[in-house]
Protein backbone atom coordinates (compact mmCIF):
# COMPACT_ATOMS: atom_id res chain seq x y z
CA UNK A 1 -37.86 35.34 14.41
CA UNK A 2 -40.44 34.48 11.47
CA UNK A 3 -40.28 35.87 7.88
CA UNK A 4 -43.12 36.85 5.86
CA UNK A 5 -41.74 34.54 3.20
CA UNK A 6 -42.49 30.68 3.48
CA UNK A 7 -39.33 29.15 4.84
CA UNK A 8 -38.10 25.85 6.04
CA UNK A 9 -36.70 26.52 9.45
CA UNK A 10 -34.33 23.58 9.33
CA UNK A 11 -32.50 24.81 6.23
CA UNK A 12 -30.23 27.23 8.17
CA UNK A 13 -30.96 30.37 5.89
CA UNK A 14 -33.73 31.95 8.13
CA UNK A 15 -33.50 35.45 9.73
CA UNK A 16 -31.06 34.17 12.35
CA UNK A 17 -28.58 33.83 9.53
CA UNK A 18 -28.93 36.16 6.65
CA UNK A 19 -25.44 35.53 4.93
CA UNK A 20 -23.99 38.01 2.61
CA UNK A 21 -22.83 37.09 -1.09
CA UNK A 22 -22.28 38.56 -4.55
CA UNK A 23 -24.58 37.43 -7.19
CA UNK A 24 -25.76 38.18 -10.83
CA UNK A 25 -28.82 37.31 -12.80
CA UNK A 26 -28.89 37.06 -16.67
CA UNK A 27 -26.69 39.76 -18.06
CA UNK A 28 -27.26 42.23 -15.17
CA UNK A 29 -24.32 43.41 -13.20
CA UNK A 30 -22.94 41.85 -10.00
CA UNK A 31 -24.53 42.95 -6.71
CA UNK A 32 -24.79 42.14 -3.05
CA UNK A 33 -27.49 39.99 -1.74
CA UNK A 34 -28.50 37.97 1.34
CA UNK A 35 -29.84 34.44 1.23
CA UNK A 36 -33.10 33.93 2.85
CA UNK A 37 -34.35 30.28 2.32
CA UNK A 38 -34.47 29.53 -1.36
CA UNK A 39 -34.35 33.05 -2.14
CA UNK A 40 -31.75 35.86 -2.58
CA UNK A 41 -32.80 39.38 -1.22
CA UNK A 42 -31.17 41.96 -3.55
CA UNK A 43 -29.63 44.55 -1.18
CA UNK A 44 -28.80 46.84 -4.16
CA UNK A 45 -32.55 47.09 -4.97
CA UNK A 46 -33.34 48.00 -1.37
CA UNK A 47 -30.55 50.44 -1.21
CA UNK A 48 -32.05 52.21 -4.39
CA UNK A 49 -35.51 52.17 -2.83
CA UNK A 50 -34.19 53.93 0.41
CA UNK A 51 -35.16 51.00 2.56
CA UNK A 52 -31.67 50.36 3.93
CA UNK A 53 -28.45 52.36 4.13
CA UNK A 54 -24.92 51.43 5.55
CA UNK A 55 -24.03 54.07 8.25
CA UNK A 56 -20.65 55.59 7.26
CA UNK A 57 -21.21 55.14 3.48
CA UNK A 58 -22.53 58.53 2.77
CA UNK A 59 -24.14 58.85 -0.60
CA UNK A 60 -22.05 56.23 -1.98
CA UNK A 61 -23.88 52.85 -2.53
CA UNK A 62 -22.10 49.82 -1.02
CA UNK A 63 -24.42 47.23 -2.15
CA UNK A 64 -24.61 47.91 -6.00
CA UNK A 65 -21.07 46.54 -5.99
CA UNK A 66 -19.13 43.42 -7.42
CA UNK A 67 -17.66 42.77 -4.02
CA UNK A 68 -18.30 43.13 -0.33
CA UNK A 69 -15.17 45.05 0.34
CA UNK A 70 -16.93 48.42 0.84
CA UNK A 71 -19.53 47.12 3.22
CA UNK A 72 -16.70 45.14 5.15
CA UNK A 73 -14.65 48.20 5.63
CA UNK A 74 -17.46 50.07 7.32
CA UNK A 75 -17.05 47.93 10.58
CA UNK A 76 -19.26 46.32 13.20
CA UNK A 77 -21.68 49.17 13.97
CA UNK A 78 -22.70 49.45 10.34
CA UNK A 79 -23.02 45.67 10.08
CA UNK A 80 -25.17 45.40 12.93
CA UNK A 81 -27.23 48.18 11.77
CA UNK A 82 -28.12 46.69 8.37
CA UNK A 83 -28.59 43.29 9.82
CA UNK A 84 -31.18 44.53 12.36
CA UNK A 85 -32.70 46.56 9.52
CA UNK A 86 -33.13 43.53 7.19
CA UNK A 87 -34.50 41.11 10.06
CA UNK A 88 -37.07 44.03 10.63
CA UNK A 89 -37.91 44.35 6.91
CA UNK A 90 -38.30 40.82 6.37
CA UNK A 91 -40.06 39.44 9.53
CA UNK A 92 -43.57 38.76 9.31
CA UNK A 93 -44.68 41.39 11.75
CA UNK A 94 -42.21 44.09 10.58
CA UNK A 95 -42.99 47.20 8.64
CA UNK A 96 -44.95 46.89 5.47
CA UNK A 97 -42.48 48.75 3.11
CA UNK A 98 -41.26 45.58 1.44
CA UNK A 99 -43.89 42.85 2.58
CA UNK A 100 -46.97 44.74 1.02
CA UNK A 101 -45.05 46.49 -1.86
CA UNK A 102 -45.63 43.84 -4.55
CA UNK A 103 -43.48 45.51 -7.36
CA UNK A 104 -40.55 46.07 -4.94
CA UNK A 105 -40.85 42.45 -3.77
CA UNK A 106 -40.84 41.31 -7.37
CA UNK A 107 -37.56 43.01 -7.97
CA UNK A 108 -35.81 42.64 -4.92
CA UNK A 109 -36.58 38.89 -3.85
CA UNK A 110 -34.87 36.68 -6.57
CA UNK A 111 -35.36 32.88 -6.58
CA UNK A 112 -31.85 31.20 -5.58
CA UNK A 113 -32.05 28.97 -8.59
CA UNK A 114 -31.96 32.01 -11.06
CA UNK A 115 -28.67 33.53 -9.70
CA UNK A 116 -25.08 32.89 -10.44
CA UNK A 117 -22.85 33.17 -7.32
CA UNK A 118 -19.43 35.03 -7.34
CA UNK A 119 -16.39 35.51 -5.12
CA UNK A 120 -17.84 37.50 -2.19
CA UNK A 121 -14.79 39.70 -2.06
CA UNK A 122 -11.67 41.12 -3.82
CA UNK A 123 -9.07 39.06 -1.77
CA UNK A 124 -6.11 41.30 -1.47
CA UNK A 125 -4.26 38.83 0.81
CA UNK A 126 -4.67 35.19 1.87
CA UNK A 127 -3.40 33.61 4.89
CA UNK A 128 -3.73 29.96 6.01
CA UNK A 129 -3.22 28.78 9.62
CA UNK A 130 -2.44 25.43 11.13
CA UNK A 131 -4.76 25.63 14.09
CA UNK A 132 -6.15 22.07 14.37
CA UNK A 133 -4.03 20.24 17.24
CA UNK A 134 -5.26 16.73 15.90
CA UNK A 135 -4.36 17.44 12.39
CA UNK A 136 -0.94 18.92 13.41
CA UNK A 137 -0.42 15.92 15.58
CA UNK A 138 -1.28 13.38 12.87
CA UNK A 139 0.80 14.94 10.35
CA UNK A 140 3.74 15.25 12.81
CA UNK A 141 3.23 11.68 13.76
CA UNK A 142 3.24 10.54 10.10
CA UNK A 143 6.31 12.46 9.06
CA UNK A 144 8.44 13.19 12.25
CA UNK A 145 8.55 11.70 15.73
CA UNK A 146 5.18 10.30 17.09
CA UNK A 147 6.43 10.97 20.61
CA UNK A 148 7.04 14.85 19.69
CA UNK A 149 4.64 15.30 16.89
CA UNK A 150 3.86 18.99 17.59
CA UNK A 151 6.96 21.37 16.94
CA UNK A 152 7.82 23.41 20.05
CA UNK A 153 6.19 26.61 18.91
CA UNK A 154 2.73 25.09 18.17
CA UNK A 155 1.22 25.51 21.56
CA UNK A 156 2.55 28.99 22.03
CA UNK A 157 1.26 30.80 18.65
CA UNK A 158 -1.09 30.09 15.76
CA UNK A 159 1.20 28.76 13.03
CA UNK A 160 0.42 30.13 9.45
CA UNK A 161 1.82 30.70 5.94
CA UNK A 162 1.02 33.40 3.47
CA UNK A 163 -1.07 31.72 0.58
CA UNK A 164 -1.89 32.84 -2.83
CA UNK A 165 -4.95 35.23 -3.12
CA UNK A 166 -5.00 35.15 -7.03
CA UNK A 167 -6.04 31.43 -7.24
CA UNK A 168 -8.91 31.72 -4.51
CA UNK A 169 -12.23 30.56 -6.31
CA UNK A 170 -15.68 30.41 -5.62
CA UNK A 171 -17.41 27.16 -5.03
CA UNK A 172 -18.16 25.14 -8.25
CA UNK A 173 -15.03 26.26 -10.13
CA UNK A 174 -13.32 23.10 -11.48
CA UNK A 175 -9.64 22.45 -10.04
CA UNK A 176 -6.96 21.32 -12.61
CA UNK A 177 -4.61 18.75 -11.27
CA UNK A 178 -1.40 20.60 -10.83
CA UNK A 179 2.07 19.57 -12.08
CA UNK A 180 5.37 20.11 -10.47
CA UNK A 181 8.59 18.55 -9.16
CA UNK A 182 8.10 15.42 -7.15
CA UNK A 183 10.96 13.48 -5.40
CA UNK A 184 10.68 9.62 -5.26
CA UNK A 185 12.48 7.64 -2.48
CA UNK A 186 15.41 6.96 -4.67
CA UNK A 187 16.90 9.00 -7.51
CA UNK A 188 16.61 12.58 -8.76
CA UNK A 189 13.33 14.78 -8.69
CA UNK A 190 10.93 14.25 -11.55
CA UNK A 191 8.36 16.55 -13.10
CA UNK A 192 4.82 15.58 -13.67
CA UNK A 193 1.15 15.81 -12.59
CA UNK A 194 0.51 15.44 -8.91
CA UNK A 195 -0.23 11.63 -7.79
CA UNK A 196 -1.45 12.73 -4.25
CA UNK A 197 -3.76 15.37 -4.80
CA UNK A 198 -5.89 16.08 -1.44
CA UNK A 199 -8.52 18.35 0.19
CA UNK A 200 -8.18 20.26 3.49
CA UNK A 201 -11.58 20.93 5.32
CA UNK A 202 -11.41 24.49 6.58
CA UNK A 203 -13.21 27.41 7.91
CA UNK A 204 -12.27 30.95 6.99
CA UNK A 205 -13.04 34.41 7.81
CA UNK A 206 -13.16 37.77 5.94
CA UNK A 207 -11.41 40.82 7.49
CA UNK A 208 -13.48 43.71 7.80
CA UNK A 209 -11.81 47.25 9.05
CA UNK A 210 -8.12 46.48 8.85
CA UNK A 211 -5.37 48.13 10.98
CA UNK A 212 -2.88 50.58 10.03
CA UNK A 213 0.63 49.57 9.33
CA UNK A 214 2.42 49.33 12.62
CA UNK A 215 -0.45 49.21 14.67
CA UNK A 216 -1.67 45.61 16.02
CA UNK A 217 -5.18 44.70 16.58
CA UNK A 218 -5.68 43.94 20.37
CA UNK A 219 -7.37 40.58 21.17
CA UNK A 220 -10.30 42.58 22.81
CA UNK A 221 -10.92 44.20 19.57
CA UNK A 222 -10.36 41.39 17.31
CA UNK A 223 -13.87 40.26 16.92
CA UNK A 224 -15.03 43.82 15.62
CA UNK A 225 -12.42 43.18 12.86
CA UNK A 226 -13.95 40.02 11.67
CA UNK A 227 -16.91 40.49 9.14
CA UNK A 228 -18.03 36.57 8.71
CA UNK A 229 -17.06 33.27 7.91
CA UNK A 230 -16.96 30.87 4.83
CA UNK A 231 -16.05 27.26 4.19
CA UNK A 232 -12.59 26.73 2.67
CA UNK A 233 -11.08 23.88 0.73
CA UNK A 234 -7.54 24.47 0.54
CA UNK A 235 -6.64 21.83 -2.18
CA UNK A 236 -3.07 20.51 -1.61
CA UNK A 237 -0.69 18.28 -3.75
CA UNK A 238 0.96 16.45 -1.07
CA UNK A 239 4.06 15.19 -3.26
CA UNK A 240 4.76 18.66 -4.55
CA UNK A 241 4.44 19.88 -1.09
CA UNK A 242 6.67 17.10 0.52
CA UNK A 243 9.63 18.06 -1.82
CA UNK A 244 9.47 21.87 -1.75
CA UNK A 245 8.34 22.78 1.88
CA UNK A 246 11.88 22.66 3.42
CA UNK A 247 13.04 25.34 4.36
CA UNK A 248 10.09 27.94 3.61
CA UNK A 249 6.95 25.99 3.63
CA UNK A 250 4.24 25.50 1.23
CA UNK A 251 4.37 26.84 -2.30
CA UNK A 252 3.11 25.23 -5.44
CA UNK A 253 1.87 22.37 -3.57
CA UNK A 254 -0.90 24.77 -2.24
CA UNK A 255 -1.08 27.70 -4.56
CA UNK A 256 -2.74 26.34 -7.65
CA UNK A 257 -6.43 26.56 -6.13
CA UNK A 258 -8.41 27.40 -2.90
CA UNK A 259 -11.96 27.24 -2.94
CA UNK A 260 -14.62 29.09 -0.72
CA UNK A 261 -18.31 29.12 -0.47
CA UNK A 262 -20.10 31.98 -1.79
CA UNK A 263 -22.21 33.05 1.34
CA UNK A 264 -20.47 34.83 4.22
CA UNK A 265 -22.16 33.96 7.66
CA UNK A 266 -21.92 37.13 9.76
CA UNK A 267 -19.83 36.99 12.74
CA UNK A 268 -22.85 37.98 14.97
CA UNK A 269 -24.95 34.88 13.42
CA UNK A 270 -22.56 32.69 15.43
CA UNK A 271 -22.69 34.12 18.71
CA UNK A 272 -25.21 31.45 19.85
CA UNK A 273 -22.72 28.79 18.90
CA UNK A 274 -19.60 30.07 20.88
CA UNK A 275 -18.40 27.38 23.40
CA UNK A 276 -15.23 26.62 25.52
CA UNK A 277 -12.43 25.28 23.53
CA UNK A 278 -9.56 23.14 24.69
CA UNK A 279 -7.91 24.84 27.96
CA UNK A 280 -4.94 27.17 27.20
CA UNK A 281 -3.40 26.68 30.53
CA UNK A 282 -1.77 24.20 32.91
CA UNK A 283 -5.21 22.71 33.92
CA UNK A 284 -5.06 20.74 30.76
CA UNK A 285 -1.19 20.58 30.55
CA UNK A 286 -0.99 23.40 28.01
CA UNK A 287 1.08 26.61 28.37
CA UNK A 288 -1.03 29.68 28.92
CA UNK A 289 -0.52 31.91 25.80
CA UNK A 290 1.45 35.21 26.09
CA UNK A 291 -0.70 38.13 27.41
CA UNK A 292 -1.38 39.44 24.01
CA UNK A 293 -3.03 36.15 22.87
CA UNK A 294 -5.14 35.55 26.02
CA UNK A 295 -8.84 35.40 25.19
CA UNK A 296 -11.16 34.93 28.18
CA UNK A 297 -14.48 34.58 26.45
CA UNK A 298 -15.53 31.27 24.87
CA UNK A 299 -13.13 30.87 21.77
CA UNK A 300 -14.52 27.93 20.16
CA UNK A 301 -17.35 27.58 17.51
CA UNK A 302 -19.67 24.47 17.40
CA UNK A 303 -20.23 24.16 13.75
CA UNK A 304 -20.74 20.79 12.33
CA UNK A 305 -18.49 20.03 9.10
CA UNK A 306 -18.84 17.40 6.47
CA UNK A 307 -16.66 16.00 3.61
CA UNK A 308 -18.40 14.25 0.91
CA UNK A 309 -16.94 12.59 -2.37
CA UNK A 310 -18.53 11.79 -5.64
CA UNK A 311 -16.50 9.55 -7.92
CA UNK A 312 -17.12 9.52 -11.79
CA UNK A 313 -18.58 6.15 -11.50
CA UNK A 314 -21.10 7.30 -9.00
CA UNK A 315 -22.02 10.38 -10.92
CA UNK A 316 -22.78 8.31 -13.93
CA UNK A 317 -24.95 5.86 -11.92
CA UNK A 318 -26.82 8.88 -10.76
CA UNK A 319 -25.58 8.48 -7.03
CA UNK A 320 -25.13 11.36 -4.81
CA UNK A 321 -21.92 12.20 -3.09
CA UNK A 322 -20.96 10.14 -0.12
CA UNK A 323 -19.99 11.48 3.18
CA UNK A 324 -16.32 10.21 4.10
CA UNK A 325 -15.85 12.39 7.29
CA UNK A 326 -17.83 14.34 9.79
CA UNK A 327 -15.97 17.00 11.92
CA UNK A 328 -16.59 20.21 13.89
CA UNK A 329 -15.00 23.48 14.11
CA UNK A 330 -14.68 23.06 17.80
CA UNK A 331 -11.47 20.98 17.18
CA UNK A 332 -9.54 24.30 16.65
CA UNK A 333 -7.07 25.11 19.41
CA UNK A 334 -6.46 28.57 18.13
CA UNK A 335 -9.63 31.06 17.79
CA UNK A 336 -10.11 33.35 14.93
CA UNK A 337 -9.77 36.31 17.10
CA UNK A 338 -6.32 34.88 18.15
CA UNK A 339 -5.36 34.28 14.51
CA UNK A 340 -6.18 37.63 13.51
CA UNK A 341 -4.32 39.19 16.57
CA UNK A 342 -1.13 37.26 16.11
CA UNK A 343 -1.25 38.06 12.41
CA UNK A 344 -1.05 41.83 13.17
CA UNK A 345 1.02 41.68 16.45
CA UNK A 346 4.21 42.69 14.38
CA UNK A 347 2.37 45.61 12.95
CA UNK A 348 1.38 43.98 9.65
CA UNK A 349 -1.63 45.68 8.21
CA UNK A 350 -4.75 43.47 7.27
CA UNK A 351 -7.30 45.00 4.93
CA UNK A 352 -11.00 44.66 4.15
CA UNK A 353 -11.57 41.48 2.22
CA UNK A 354 -8.60 39.85 3.30
CA UNK A 355 -9.02 36.02 3.80
CA UNK A 356 -7.70 33.92 6.71
CA UNK A 357 -8.39 30.16 7.00
CA UNK A 358 -8.21 27.99 9.98
CA UNK A 359 -6.06 25.22 8.47
CA UNK A 360 -7.36 21.48 8.17
CA UNK A 361 -9.90 20.77 11.04
CA UNK A 362 -9.49 17.15 12.31
CA UNK A 363 -11.08 15.60 15.28
CA UNK A 364 -9.69 12.73 17.56
CA UNK A 365 -11.31 9.75 15.59
CA UNK A 366 -10.34 8.76 11.94
CA UNK A 367 -13.95 9.63 10.66
CA UNK A 368 -13.46 13.08 11.74
CA UNK A 369 -10.16 13.87 9.83
CA UNK A 370 -10.18 16.75 7.52
CA UNK A 371 -7.86 15.53 4.81
CA UNK A 372 -7.36 12.46 2.65
CA UNK A 373 -3.71 12.38 3.97
CA UNK A 374 -5.05 11.54 7.37
CA UNK A 375 -8.41 9.45 6.25
CA UNK A 376 -6.05 6.95 4.27
CA UNK A 377 -3.35 7.50 6.72
CA UNK A 378 -0.69 8.55 4.12
CA UNK A 379 -2.06 6.15 1.54
CA UNK A 380 -1.87 3.04 3.67
CA UNK A 381 -5.70 2.58 4.55
CA UNK A 382 -7.84 3.28 1.44
CA UNK A 383 -11.27 5.17 2.05
CA UNK A 384 -14.42 3.34 0.81
CA UNK A 385 -16.47 5.64 -1.57
CA UNK A 386 -19.33 3.81 -2.95
CA UNK A 387 -17.97 0.36 -4.57
CA UNK A 388 -14.62 2.09 -4.93
CA UNK A 389 -11.66 3.09 -2.69
CA UNK A 390 -9.62 6.20 -2.49
CA UNK A 391 -6.33 7.14 -1.02
CA UNK A 392 -6.09 10.56 -2.83
CA UNK A 393 -8.26 12.26 -5.40
CA UNK A 394 -8.48 10.87 -9.01
CA UNK A 395 -9.68 13.03 -12.08
CA UNK A 396 -13.13 13.49 -12.12
CA UNK A 397 -13.81 13.17 -8.43
CA UNK A 398 -16.14 15.70 -6.89
CA UNK A 399 -15.39 17.24 -3.49
CA UNK A 400 -18.44 18.80 -1.35
CA UNK A 401 -17.67 20.50 1.98
CA UNK A 402 -20.71 21.38 4.01
CA UNK A 403 -21.52 23.17 7.22
CA UNK A 404 -24.15 23.90 9.79
CA UNK A 405 -24.56 25.03 13.36
CA UNK A 406 -27.70 24.10 15.44
CA UNK A 407 -28.52 25.01 19.12
CA UNK A 408 -31.85 25.70 20.86
CA UNK A 409 -33.78 25.90 17.75
CA UNK A 410 -31.41 28.27 16.06
CA UNK A 411 -30.06 26.88 12.78
CA UNK A 412 -27.46 28.61 10.94
CA UNK A 413 -26.27 27.02 7.41
CA UNK A 414 -23.05 27.61 5.63
CA UNK A 415 -24.21 25.84 2.34
CA UNK A 416 -21.25 23.92 0.54
CA UNK A 417 -18.11 24.61 -1.23
CA UNK A 418 -17.63 22.14 -4.16
CA UNK A 419 -14.91 21.40 -6.82
CA UNK A 420 -14.29 18.82 -9.45
CA UNK A 421 -10.96 17.60 -10.34
CA UNK A 422 -9.97 18.01 -14.10
CA UNK A 423 -7.01 16.49 -15.69
CA UNK A 424 -3.65 18.66 -16.14
CA UNK A 425 -3.30 20.94 -19.09
CA UNK A 426 -0.03 19.83 -19.88
């Protein structure tokens, strides 16, 4: 598909993508838009002009809103209809309603450089999974038994924990170094700023229509409950986490900040990038999931992911962030659909705008690990960054995660999720 706008087909933000986000310009209210190249198409303006309408919304506008929740709640049929209409309106050979309407184009197509991006949804609940087998194996090897790195439940269900929705922030928000209790090898616990501050390279998805309390989402229907995907950096204080996590799991070591990218890539846009994941049956030496988790269609997503780091010295010297890891979403053992189905199988009700993240994504080689904990192997093997090295993050370090999928001429970009570490407040 070709747009009437002048686009770079390699940037990943053409008509095959059309990711949704919430933006503002100047002192104007927040509203919903889609990214098209270096532009943002103002869906609230198109809605007012009568060029788009979301089925099921009635007379209530869903795009003149400060979050995507209302649109998310309408479901896959409404999403598909709006997406198809936008592709038609924005194509070079589509109707002239927008293309040849000069004043409407001026109002509805905004330069990306002129907008401020905001959290795409009101996030009622946030769940973080642990779905990368190599990451779980690496952590189990470091902290438990190398010969039995995976806990007995890991190959039978998507392990997860409930995170803190209030501290999910949009890309570009600074992250204050957290403080808390730490336990050294000898002696009593001490209180102070985290010394082992880390990142986690993840992908997340937003829930669309939820489910009634007590009514699970079947695996066959799970895809129609997933609105779209974002990049996630679940910042982690490893020293706080190590001391607190037994017996109930992550708490203060995770809840201080989780960063997400501002553009939500539609579920439909990733259909060309579905591939077979690691076999979940005896053919690969793995147990077959219980029937409620069996997913026969391709489960994995072929999305390239990168981690880049810029130190304060690099920034002062005008040097760009340096790539320190390259990974891929294909390394997730449990799919988004399996994650959502398992989350609701006990009757838990998911709601529009809920965020669910994959957990750290790590490949089989050191350069594909998705955390500093793994890249520096628990601090024993420093990572080269410019003329410096890092085991964990220092104040002033800026981390940039990026994502991109490309296959058979179709390119879908995720943009970036960025954050800079600031000193502790206390």
